[in-house]
Amino acid sequence: MQKNILVIYYSQTGQLTDIVKNVAQPFEAKKDEYNVTYYNIQMKKDFPFPWSSDVFFNAFPESYLQIPSEILPPSEEVLNKKYDLIIFGYQVWYLTPSIPIISFLKSGYAEQILKDTPVVTISGTRNMWMFSQEKLKVYLKDMKAKLVGNIALVDRHDNYTSVLTVVRWMIGGKKEKSGLLPAAGVSDEEINGAGKYGEIIERHLKNNDLDTLQPDLVKNGAVEIRAFLVRVEKVGNKIFTIWSNLIIKKKEKRPLLIKFFKVYLMAAIWIISPIVLVLHLLTTPIFWFKRKRQREYLQGINLK
């Protein structure tokens, strides 16, 4: 009897589409054993790509505060089928699952689809996804979905190079290598090689052994944790909480506050972030064991 696999995703650039489809390929290759369905989340009013600078920064408060927009309903085929496994691909916007993903999770359709079903989450991001995943874990737990695996594919370049390349890509629409800057996003090699994770997932599903899936994924490079970026994310979440609430509450001053936030964010990336890095390096011997425990937790799938 065929097992039903659902692949849920939202992708502006197409990068995440390529990732989830490569992960699903081992299931596609065994059509006698698996029936694979794709659900591309669609917004009633979609976001542009490439972004304009104004629209990109204006999306910040709703994104961070997880305020949904309206989505188009999933098809009856998606809604009325029981799945043996869901592969859930998502982007991170402002240290939070993207507005389209949040909109799906808060739509009412999500619980109908996800409840009592094993889920493997997959993110394709610049490099900071850890606490976004923590937020997603809460949604999945509340819907009684069973998180059995997580894959986090990131831009492997240093933090500052990836800032330059992602801005060029998101706002300028240019992903390719140019001048001194490398190509933006997850490397083609990792995207094309994502099928290896699908093979691991398929093997565990076939053997009814999803409880041991995540350690196998981690062993094969599915989740890298950079302690410095964990620290940056913690600071970023505190700052974003203040800014997002201020902008939402002061509606009449929103355009001006968005401009101030944009300037602050650039200053934080290029001035505050290096200071955080120096402090992180200086305190490494003191917090080595704490950071080791933190790394092991963030590589896992449990929720504190």
C-alpha atoms as a PDB file:
ATOM      1  CA  MET A   1       0.000   0.000   0.000  1.00  0.00           C
ATOM      2  CA  GLN A   2       1.349   3.427  -0.985  1.00  0.00           C
ATOM      3  CA  LYS A   3       2.312   5.903   1.700  1.00  0.00           C
ATOM      4  CA  ASN A   4       1.208   9.506   1.228  1.00  0.00           C
ATOM      5  CA  ILE A   5       3.847  12.259   1.400  1.00  0.00           C
ATOM      6  CA  LEU A   6       2.927  15.953   1.457  1.00  0.00           C
ATOM      7  CA  VAL A   7       5.474  18.661   0.644  1.00  0.00           C
ATOM      8  CA  ILE A   8       4.435  22.095   1.971  1.00  0.00           C
ATOM      9  CA  TYR A   9       6.464  25.171   1.025  1.00  0.00           C
ATOM     10  CA  TYR A  10       6.505  28.850   0.118  1.00  0.00           C
ATOM     11  CA  SER A  11       9.357  30.278  -1.922  1.00  0.00           C
ATOM     12  CA  GLN A  12       9.838  33.711  -3.439  1.00  0.00           C
ATOM     13  CA  THR A  13      13.105  33.109  -5.251  1.00  0.00           C
ATOM     14  CA  GLY A  14      12.691  29.451  -6.153  1.00  0.00           C
ATOM     15  CA  GLN A  15      15.622  28.366  -3.961  1.00  0.00           C
ATOM     16  CA  LEU A  16      13.437  26.624  -1.384  1.00  0.00           C
ATOM     17  CA  THR A  17      11.367  25.018  -4.135  1.00  0.00           C
ATOM     18  CA  ASP A  18      14.524  23.398  -5.502  1.00  0.00           C
ATOM     19  CA  ILE A  19      15.562  22.259  -2.015  1.00  0.00           C
ATOM     20  CA  VAL A  20      12.274  20.592  -1.052  1.00  0.00           C
ATOM     21  CA  LYS A  21      11.883  18.943  -4.441  1.00  0.00           C
ATOM     22  CA  ASN A  22      15.392  17.502  -4.215  1.00  0.00           C
ATOM     23  CA  VAL A  23      14.651  16.202  -0.713  1.00  0.00           C
ATOM     24  CA  ALA A  24      11.427  14.646  -2.044  1.00  0.00           C
ATOM     25  CA  GLN A  25      13.174  13.034  -5.033  1.00  0.00           C
ATOM     26  CA  PRO A  26      13.909   9.674  -3.328  1.00  0.00           C
ATOM     27  CA  PHE A  27      10.164   9.355  -2.668  1.00  0.00           C
ATOM     28  CA  GLU A  28       9.331  10.388  -6.247  1.00  0.00           C
ATOM     29  CA  ALA A  29      11.696   7.703  -7.512  1.00  0.00           C
ATOM     30  CA  LYS A  30       9.610   4.984  -5.810  1.00  0.00           C
ATOM     31  CA  LYS A  31       6.169   5.728  -7.202  1.00  0.00           C
ATOM     32  CA  ASP A  32       4.950   2.235  -6.414  1.00  0.00           C
ATOM     33  CA  GLU A  33       5.623   2.892  -2.706  1.00  0.00           C
ATOM     34  CA  TYR A  34       4.896   6.619  -2.307  1.00  0.00           C
ATOM     35  CA  ASN A  35       2.363   9.133  -3.527  1.00  0.00           C
ATOM     36  CA  VAL A  36       3.903  12.635  -3.317  1.00  0.00           C
ATOM     37  CA  THR A  37       1.676  15.730  -3.237  1.00  0.00           C
ATOM     38  CA  TYR A  38       3.002  19.313  -3.358  1.00  0.00           C
ATOM     39  CA  TYR A  39       1.283  22.222  -1.647  1.00  0.00           C
ATOM     40  CA  ASN A  40       2.714  25.621  -2.560  1.00  0.00           C
ATOM     41  CA  ILE A  41       1.237  28.153  -0.116  1.00  0.00           C
ATOM     42  CA  GLN A  42      -0.258  31.050  -2.066  1.00  0.00           C
ATOM     43  CA  MET A  43      -1.076  34.471  -0.665  1.00  0.00           C
ATOM     44  CA  LYS A  44      -4.206  36.334  -1.678  1.00  0.00           C
ATOM     45  CA  LYS A  45      -1.914  39.342  -2.097  1.00  0.00           C
ATOM     46  CA  ASP A  46       1.596  38.062  -2.693  1.00  0.00           C
ATOM     47  CA  PHE A  47       4.888  39.726  -1.833  1.00  0.00           C
ATOM     48  CA  PRO A  48       7.014  41.044  -4.696  1.00  0.00           C
ATOM     49  CA  PHE A  49      10.342  39.673  -5.843  1.00  0.00           C
ATOM     50  CA  PRO A  50      12.741  41.306  -6.123  1.00  0.00           C
ATOM     51  CA  TRP A  51      11.630  43.400  -3.190  1.00  0.00           C
ATOM     52  CA  SER A  52      11.743  47.169  -3.276  1.00  0.00           C
ATOM     53  CA  SER A  53      13.652  48.525  -0.280  1.00  0.00           C
ATOM     54  CA  ASP A  54      10.525  50.202   1.128  1.00  0.00           C
ATOM     55  CA  VAL A  55       8.367  47.075   0.924  1.00  0.00           C
ATOM     56  CA  PHE A  56      11.144  44.886   2.365  1.00  0.00           C
ATOM     57  CA  PHE A  57      11.544  46.977   5.519  1.00  0.00           C
ATOM     58  CA  ASN A  58       7.824  47.715   5.809  1.00  0.00           C
ATOM     59  CA  ALA A  59       7.181  43.980   6.157  1.00  0.00           C
ATOM     60  CA  PHE A  60       9.278  43.876   9.341  1.00  0.00           C
ATOM     61  CA  PRO A  61       6.764  44.504  12.176  1.00  0.00           C
ATOM     62  CA  GLU A  62       4.055  42.148  10.867  1.00  0.00           C
ATOM     63  CA  SER A  63       6.684  39.532  10.099  1.00  0.00           C
ATOM     64  CA  TYR A  64       8.360  39.600  13.497  1.00  0.00           C
ATOM     65  CA  LEU A  65       5.074  39.838  15.434  1.00  0.00           C
ATOM     66  CA  GLN A  66       3.657  36.914  13.405  1.00  0.00           C
ATOM     67  CA  ILE A  67       0.653  38.846  12.118  1.00  0.00           C
ATOM     68  CA  PRO A  68      -0.935  36.800   9.309  1.00  0.00           C
ATOM     69  CA  SER A  69      -2.307  37.812   5.932  1.00  0.00           C
ATOM     70  CA  GLU A  70      -4.953  35.959   3.958  1.00  0.00           C
ATOM     71  CA  ILE A  71      -3.931  32.875   1.982  1.00  0.00           C
ATOM     72  CA  LEU A  72      -5.742  31.074  -0.814  1.00  0.00           C
ATOM     73  CA  PRO A  73      -7.293  27.810   0.443  1.00  0.00           C
ATOM     74  CA  PRO A  74      -5.390  24.570  -0.182  1.00  0.00           C
ATOM     75  CA  SER A  75      -6.950  22.230  -2.733  1.00  0.00           C
ATOM     76  CA  GLU A  76      -9.485  19.602  -1.662  1.00  0.00           C
ATOM     77  CA  GLU A  77      -6.887  16.965  -2.561  1.00  0.00           C
ATOM     78  CA  VAL A  78      -4.490  18.397   0.013  1.00  0.00           C
ATOM     79  CA  LEU A  79      -7.143  18.885   2.686  1.00  0.00           C
ATOM     80  CA  ASN A  80      -8.890  15.557   2.430  1.00  0.00           C
ATOM     81  CA  LYS A  81      -5.986  13.147   2.507  1.00  0.00           C
ATOM     82  CA  LYS A  82      -4.239  11.615   5.501  1.00  0.00           C
ATOM     83  CA  TYR A  83      -0.452  11.770   5.209  1.00  0.00           C
ATOM     84  CA  ASP A  84       2.214   9.419   6.498  1.00  0.00           C
ATOM     85  CA  LEU A  85       4.820  12.202   6.408  1.00  0.00           C
ATOM     86  CA  ILE A  86       4.894  15.952   5.781  1.00  0.00           C
ATOM     87  CA  ILE A  87       7.993  17.737   4.503  1.00  0.00           C
ATOM     88  CA  PHE A  88       7.585  21.367   5.565  1.00  0.00           C
ATOM     89  CA  GLY A  89       9.831  23.906   3.802  1.00  0.00           C
ATOM     90  CA  TYR A  90      10.001  27.478   5.066  1.00  0.00           C
ATOM     91  CA  GLN A  91      11.897  30.746   4.786  1.00  0.00           C
ATOM     92  CA  VAL A  92      12.959  32.989   7.656  1.00  0.00           C
ATOM     93  CA  TRP A  93      12.016  36.667   7.599  1.00  0.00           C
ATOM     94  CA  TYR A  94      13.340  38.855  10.408  1.00  0.00           C
ATOM     95  CA  LEU A  95      14.290  35.914  12.671  1.00  0.00           C
ATOM     96  CA  THR A  96      10.781  34.466  12.317  1.00  0.00           C
ATOM     97  CA  PRO A  97       9.019  32.061   9.934  1.00  0.00           C
ATOM     98  CA  SER A  98       7.916  34.130   6.930  1.00  0.00           C
ATOM     99  CA  ILE A  99       4.516  35.841   6.799  1.00  0.00           C
ATOM    100  CA  PRO A 100       3.178  33.280   4.266  1.00  0.00           C
ATOM    101  CA  ILE A 101       4.187  30.419   6.592  1.00  0.00           C
ATOM    102  CA  ILE A 102       2.697  32.122   9.654  1.00  0.00           C
ATOM    103  CA  SER A 103      -0.434  32.888   7.625  1.00  0.00           C
ATOM    104  CA  PHE A 104      -0.795  29.190   6.787  1.00  0.00           C
ATOM    105  CA  LEU A 105      -0.150  28.119  10.389  1.00  0.00           C
ATOM    106  CA  LYS A 106      -2.829  30.523  11.639  1.00  0.00           C
ATOM    107  CA  SER A 107      -5.309  29.840   8.840  1.00  0.00           C
ATOM    108  CA  GLY A 108      -7.166  26.871  10.336  1.00  0.00           C
ATOM    109  CA  TYR A 109      -6.083  24.695   7.417  1.00  0.00           C
ATOM    110  CA  ALA A 110      -2.766  23.915   9.076  1.00  0.00           C
ATOM    111  CA  GLU A 111      -4.166  22.008  12.036  1.00  0.00           C
ATOM    112  CA  GLN A 112      -6.428  19.957   9.746  1.00  0.00           C
ATOM    113  CA  ILE A 113      -3.385  18.933   7.678  1.00  0.00           C
ATOM    114  CA  LEU A 114      -0.677  18.643  10.339  1.00  0.00           C
ATOM    115  CA  LYS A 115      -2.456  17.114  13.333  1.00  0.00           C
ATOM    116  CA  ASP A 116      -1.138  13.695  14.401  1.00  0.00           C
ATOM    117  CA  THR A 117       1.278  13.594  11.464  1.00  0.00           C
ATOM    118  CA  PRO A 118       5.093  13.241  11.411  1.00  0.00           C
ATOM    119  CA  VAL A 119       6.740  16.426  10.117  1.00  0.00           C
ATOM    120  CA  VAL A 120      10.256  17.148   8.848  1.00  0.00           C
ATOM    121  CA  THR A 121      11.015  20.876   8.682  1.00  0.00           C
ATOM    122  CA  ILE A 122      13.436  22.292   6.106  1.00  0.00           C
ATOM    123  CA  SER A 123      14.713  25.861   6.041  1.00  0.00           C
ATOM    124  CA  GLY A 124      16.799  27.575   3.390  1.00  0.00           C
ATOM    125  CA  THR A 125      18.215  30.770   4.896  1.00  0.00           C
ATOM    126  CA  ARG A 126      21.069  33.234   5.028  1.00  0.00           C
ATOM    127  CA  ASN A 127      22.363  31.864   8.322  1.00  0.00           C
ATOM    128  CA  MET A 128      20.117  32.735  11.281  1.00  0.00           C
ATOM    129  CA  TRP A 129      17.279  30.238  11.629  1.00  0.00           C
ATOM    130  CA  MET A 130      17.675  28.786  15.137  1.00  0.00           C
ATOM    131  CA  PHE A 131      15.094  30.775  17.082  1.00  0.00           C
ATOM    132  CA  SER A 132      12.741  30.870  14.115  1.00  0.00           C
ATOM    133  CA  GLN A 133      12.742  27.079  14.379  1.00  0.00           C
ATOM    134  CA  GLU A 134      11.944  27.392  18.079  1.00  0.00           C
ATOM    135  CA  LYS A 135       8.885  29.481  17.194  1.00  0.00           C
ATOM    136  CA  LEU A 136       7.825  26.932  14.599  1.00  0.00           C
ATOM    137  CA  LYS A 137       8.187  24.105  17.151  1.00  0.00           C
ATOM    138  CA  VAL A 138       5.553  25.823  19.314  1.00  0.00           C
ATOM    139  CA  TYR A 139       3.041  25.949  16.460  1.00  0.00           C
ATOM    140  CA  LEU A 140       3.622  22.285  15.623  1.00  0.00           C
ATOM    141  CA  LYS A 141       3.254  21.241  19.251  1.00  0.00           C
ATOM    142  CA  ASP A 142       0.032  23.232  19.651  1.00  0.00           C
ATOM    143  CA  MET A 143      -1.393  21.505  16.554  1.00  0.00           C
ATOM    144  CA  LYS A 144      -0.342  18.094  17.870  1.00  0.00           C
ATOM    145  CA  ALA A 145       1.914  17.541  14.888  1.00  0.00           C
ATOM    146  CA  LYS A 146       4.910  15.290  15.546  1.00  0.00           C
ATOM    147  CA  LEU A 147       8.209  16.953  14.648  1.00  0.00           C
ATOM    148  CA  VAL A 148      10.572  14.113  13.724  1.00  0.00           C
ATOM    149  CA  GLY A 149      13.333  15.905  11.824  1.00  0.00           C
ATOM    150  CA  ASN A 150      14.866  19.244  10.885  1.00  0.00           C
ATOM    151  CA  ILE A 151      17.206  20.270   8.073  1.00  0.00           C
ATOM    152  CA  ALA A 152      18.729  23.757   7.963  1.00  0.00           C
ATOM    153  CA  LEU A 153      20.548  24.714   4.763  1.00  0.00           C
ATOM    154  CA  VAL A 154      22.366  28.041   4.938  1.00  0.00           C
ATOM    155  CA  ASP A 155      24.725  30.367   3.131  1.00  0.00           C
ATOM    156  CA  ARG A 156      28.133  29.138   4.330  1.00  0.00           C
ATOM    157  CA  HIS A 157      29.954  32.454   3.757  1.00  0.00           C
ATOM    158  CA  ASP A 158      30.859  34.691   6.678  1.00  0.00           C
ATOM    159  CA  ASN A 159      28.127  36.818   8.230  1.00  0.00           C
ATOM    160  CA  TYR A 160      29.153  40.091   6.604  1.00  0.00           C
ATOM    161  CA  THR A 161      29.658  38.722   3.099  1.00  0.00           C
ATOM    162  CA  SER A 162      26.253  37.046   3.250  1.00  0.00           C
ATOM    163  CA  VAL A 163      24.619  40.340   4.299  1.00  0.00           C
ATOM    164  CA  LEU A 164      25.931  42.011   1.149  1.00  0.00           C
ATOM    165  CA  THR A 165      24.970  39.163  -1.159  1.00  0.00           C
ATOM    166  CA  VAL A 166      21.477  38.655   0.269  1.00  0.00           C
ATOM    167  CA  VAL A 167      20.635  42.376   0.006  1.00  0.00           C
ATOM    168  CA  ARG A 168      21.884  42.380  -3.605  1.00  0.00           C
ATOM    169  CA  TRP A 169      19.667  39.347  -4.267  1.00  0.00           C
ATOM    170  CA  MET A 170      16.507  40.326  -2.381  1.00  0.00           C
ATOM    171  CA  ILE A 171      16.413  43.959  -3.529  1.00  0.00           C
ATOM    172  CA  GLY A 172      18.445  43.843  -6.739  1.00  0.00           C
ATOM    173  CA  GLY A 173      17.365  40.407  -7.930  1.00  0.00           C
ATOM    174  CA  LYS A 174      20.966  39.363  -8.618  1.00  0.00           C
ATOM    175  CA  LYS A 175      21.960  36.003  -7.155  1.00  0.00           C
ATOM    176  CA  GLU A 176      25.012  35.246  -9.306  1.00  0.00           C
ATOM    177  CA  LYS A 177      28.635  35.885  -8.381  1.00  0.00           C
ATOM    178  CA  SER A 178      29.805  39.358  -9.384  1.00  0.00           C
ATOM    179  CA  GLY A 179      33.008  41.254  -8.710  1.00  0.00           C
ATOM    180  CA  LEU A 180      34.434  40.270  -5.345  1.00  0.00           C
ATOM    181  CA  LEU A 181      31.111  38.950  -4.049  1.00  0.00           C
ATOM    182  CA  PRO A 182      30.190  35.254  -4.320  1.00  0.00           C
ATOM    183  CA  ALA A 183      26.760  33.984  -5.349  1.00  0.00           C
ATOM    184  CA  ALA A 184      24.035  34.564  -2.785  1.00  0.00           C
ATOM    185  CA  GLY A 185      22.106  31.960  -0.841  1.00  0.00           C
ATOM    186  CA  VAL A 186      22.601  28.252  -0.289  1.00  0.00           C
ATOM    187  CA  SER A 187      25.232  26.895  -2.664  1.00  0.00           C
ATOM    188  CA  ASP A 188      24.142  25.009  -5.785  1.00  0.00           C
ATOM    189  CA  GLU A 189      26.192  22.065  -4.537  1.00  0.00           C
ATOM    190  CA  GLU A 190      24.161  21.818  -1.317  1.00  0.00           C
ATOM    191  CA  ILE A 191      20.845  22.359  -3.085  1.00  0.00           C
ATOM    192  CA  ASN A 192      21.616  19.676  -5.657  1.00  0.00           C
ATOM    193  CA  GLY A 193      22.879  17.350  -2.936  1.00  0.00           C
ATOM    194  CA  ALA A 194      19.815  17.751  -0.701  1.00  0.00           C
ATOM    195  CA  GLY A 195      18.495  14.453  -2.021  1.00  0.00           C
ATOM    196  CA  LYS A 196      20.810  12.655   0.410  1.00  0.00           C
ATOM    197  CA  TYR A 197      18.609  13.887   3.252  1.00  0.00           C
ATOM    198  CA  GLY A 198      15.565  12.575   1.426  1.00  0.00           C
ATOM    199  CA  GLU A 199      17.214   9.175   1.216  1.00  0.00           C
ATOM    200  CA  ILE A 200      17.800   9.201   4.982  1.00  0.00           C
ATOM    201  CA  ILE A 201      14.210  10.245   5.670  1.00  0.00           C
ATOM    202  CA  GLU A 202      12.826   7.634   3.272  1.00  0.00           C
ATOM    203  CA  ARG A 203      14.873   4.877   4.909  1.00  0.00           C
ATOM    204  CA  HIS A 204      13.648   5.774   8.389  1.00  0.00           C
ATOM    205  CA  LEU A 205      10.033   6.057   7.244  1.00  0.00           C
ATOM    206  CA  LYS A 206      10.222   2.698   5.488  1.00  0.00           C
ATOM    207  CA  ASN A 207      11.651   1.093   8.621  1.00  0.00           C
ATOM    208  CA  ASN A 208       9.099   2.795  10.895  1.00  0.00           C
ATOM    209  CA  ASP A 209      12.039   4.354  12.721  1.00  0.00           C
ATOM    210  CA  LEU A 210      11.352   8.107  12.592  1.00  0.00           C
ATOM    211  CA  ASP A 211      12.203   8.466  16.290  1.00  0.00           C
ATOM    212  CA  THR A 212      15.909   8.123  15.455  1.00  0.00           C
ATOM    213  CA  LEU A 213      15.802  10.236  12.280  1.00  0.00           C
ATOM    214  CA  GLN A 214      17.194  13.521  13.636  1.00  0.00           C
ATOM    215  CA  PRO A 215      20.501  12.140  14.983  1.00  0.00           C
ATOM    216  CA  ASP A 216      21.051  10.519  11.579  1.00  0.00           C
ATOM    217  CA  LEU A 217      20.347  13.809   9.782  1.00  0.00           C
ATOM    218  CA  VAL A 218      22.705  15.711  12.099  1.00  0.00           C
ATOM    219  CA  LYS A 219      25.433  13.116  11.609  1.00  0.00           C
ATOM    220  CA  ASN A 220      25.154  13.751   7.868  1.00  0.00           C
ATOM    221  CA  GLY A 221      25.492  17.533   8.108  1.00  0.00           C
ATOM    222  CA  ALA A 222      21.848  18.615   8.077  1.00  0.00           C
ATOM    223  CA  VAL A 223      22.229  21.101  10.954  1.00  0.00           C
ATOM    224  CA  GLU A 224      25.230  23.322  11.642  1.00  0.00           C
ATOM    225  CA  ILE A 225      25.186  25.576  14.712  1.00  0.00           C
ATOM    226  CA  ARG A 226      27.491  28.593  14.917  1.00  0.00           C
ATOM    227  CA  ALA A 227      27.588  29.729  18.533  1.00  0.00           C
ATOM    228  CA  PHE A 228      28.309  33.349  17.600  1.00  0.00           C
ATOM    229  CA  LEU A 229      25.155  33.525  15.466  1.00  0.00           C
ATOM    230  CA  VAL A 230      23.081  32.073  18.293  1.00  0.00           C
ATOM    231  CA  ARG A 231      24.230  35.002  20.409  1.00  0.00           C
ATOM    232  CA  VAL A 232      23.471  37.483  17.629  1.00  0.00           C
ATOM    233  CA  GLU A 233      19.984  35.987  17.246  1.00  0.00           C
ATOM    234  CA  LYS A 234      19.271  36.321  20.959  1.00  0.00           C
ATOM    235  CA  VAL A 235      20.239  39.996  20.888  1.00  0.00           C
ATOM    236  CA  GLY A 236      18.356  40.493  17.627  1.00  0.00           C
ATOM    237  CA  ASN A 237      15.127  39.066  19.023  1.00  0.00           C
ATOM    238  CA  LYS A 238      15.252  41.452  21.976  1.00  0.00           C
ATOM    239  CA  ILE A 239      15.844  44.441  19.705  1.00  0.00           C
ATOM    240  CA  PHE A 240      13.217  43.369  17.176  1.00  0.00           C
ATOM    241  CA  THR A 241      10.641  42.976  19.958  1.00  0.00           C
ATOM    242  CA  ILE A 242      11.102  46.611  20.950  1.00  0.00           C
ATOM    243  CA  TRP A 243      11.117  48.011  17.403  1.00  0.00           C
ATOM    244  CA  SER A 244       8.205  45.950  16.066  1.00  0.00           C
ATOM    245  CA  ASN A 245       5.897  46.822  18.963  1.00  0.00           C
ATOM    246  CA  LEU A 246       6.836  50.492  18.716  1.00  0.00           C
ATOM    247  CA  ILE A 247       6.082  50.618  14.982  1.00  0.00           C
ATOM    248  CA  ILE A 248       2.749  48.780  15.349  1.00  0.00           C
ATOM    249  CA  LYS A 249       1.597  50.991  18.223  1.00  0.00           C
ATOM    250  CA  LYS A 250       2.637  54.309  16.653  1.00  0.00           C
ATOM    251  CA  LYS A 251       0.670  53.893  13.426  1.00  0.00           C
ATOM    252  CA  GLU A 252       0.742  57.578  12.520  1.00  0.00           C
ATOM    253  CA  LYS A 253       4.548  57.597  12.738  1.00  0.00           C
ATOM    254  CA  ARG A 254       5.099  54.263  10.959  1.00  0.00           C
ATOM    255  CA  PRO A 255       6.851  55.578   7.804  1.00  0.00           C
ATOM    256  CA  LEU A 256       9.309  57.579   9.889  1.00  0.00           C
ATOM    257  CA  LEU A 257       9.915  54.755  12.366  1.00  0.00           C
ATOM    258  CA  ILE A 258      10.531  52.288   9.521  1.00  0.00           C
ATOM    259  CA  LYS A 259      13.236  54.644   8.200  1.00  0.00           C
ATOM    260  CA  PHE A 260      14.819  54.846  11.663  1.00  0.00           C
ATOM    261  CA  PHE A 261      14.656  51.057  11.978  1.00  0.00           C
ATOM    262  CA  LYS A 262      16.400  50.635   8.629  1.00  0.00           C
ATOM    263  CA  VAL A 263      19.274  52.881   9.758  1.00  0.00           C
ATOM    264  CA  TYR A 264      19.447  51.144  13.128  1.00  0.00           C
ATOM    265  CA  LEU A 265      19.512  47.695  11.533  1.00  0.00           C
ATOM    266  CA  MET A 266      22.413  48.605   9.269  1.00  0.00           C
ATOM    267  CA  ALA A 267      24.293  50.063  12.239  1.00  0.00           C
ATOM    268  CA  ALA A 268      23.589  46.937  14.288  1.00  0.00           C
ATOM    269  CA  ILE A 269      24.940  44.678  11.549  1.00  0.00           C
ATOM    270  CA  TRP A 270      28.106  46.636  10.850  1.00  0.00           C
ATOM    271  CA  ILE A 271      28.896  48.178  14.265  1.00  0.00           C
ATOM    272  CA  ILE A 272      27.169  46.274  17.085  1.00  0.00           C
ATOM    273  CA  SER A 273      27.583  42.792  15.602  1.00  0.00           C
ATOM    274  CA  PRO A 274      31.416  42.964  15.522  1.00  0.00           C
ATOM    275  CA  ILE A 275      31.379  43.988  19.200  1.00  0.00           C
ATOM    276  CA  VAL A 276      29.184  40.975  19.990  1.00  0.00           C
ATOM    277  CA  LEU A 277      31.661  38.781  18.084  1.00  0.00           C
ATOM    278  CA  VAL A 278      34.632  40.057  20.121  1.00  0.00           C
ATOM    279  CA  LEU A 279      32.768  39.524  23.408  1.00  0.00           C
ATOM    280  CA  HIS A 280      31.747  36.055  22.239  1.00  0.00           C
ATOM    281  CA  LEU A 281      35.344  35.089  21.496  1.00  0.00           C
ATOM    282  CA  LEU A 282      36.615  36.467  24.800  1.00  0.00           C
ATOM    283  CA  THR A 283      34.051  34.513  26.803  1.00  0.00           C
ATOM    284  CA  THR A 284      34.412  31.216  24.901  1.00  0.00           C
ATOM    285  CA  PRO A 285      36.495  29.470  27.625  1.00  0.00           C
ATOM    286  CA  ILE A 286      33.993  30.508  30.306  1.00  0.00           C
ATOM    287  CA  PHE A 287      30.859  29.375  28.487  1.00  0.00           C
ATOM    288  CA  TRP A 288      32.257  26.430  26.519  1.00  0.00           C
ATOM    289  CA  PHE A 289      30.114  23.751  28.233  1.00  0.00           C
ATOM    290  CA  LYS A 290      26.981  25.919  28.181  1.00  0.00           C
ATOM    291  CA  ARG A 291      27.398  26.545  24.451  1.00  0.00           C
ATOM    292  CA  LYS A 292      27.993  22.855  23.824  1.00  0.00           C
ATOM    293  CA  ARG A 293      24.680  22.004  25.518  1.00  0.00           C
ATOM    294  CA  GLN A 294      23.000  24.795  23.582  1.00  0.00           C
ATOM    295  CA  ARG A 295      24.375  23.471  20.278  1.00  0.00           C
ATOM    296  CA  GLU A 296      23.147  19.962  21.024  1.00  0.00           C
ATOM    297  CA  TYR A 297      19.691  21.271  21.914  1.00  0.00           C
ATOM    298  CA  LEU A 298      19.361  23.419  18.776  1.00  0.00           C
ATOM    299  CA  GLN A 299      20.474  20.513  16.576  1.00  0.00           C
ATOM    300  CA  GLY A 300      17.629  18.479  18.020  1.00  0.00           C
ATOM    301  CA  ILE A 301      13.863  18.580  17.615  1.00  0.00           C
ATOM    302  CA  ASN A 302      12.611  18.778  21.208  1.00  0.00           C
ATOM    303  CA  LEU A 303      11.069  21.914  22.651  1.00  0.00           C
ATOM    304  CA  LYS A 304      12.189  23.233  26.022  1.00  0.00           C
END
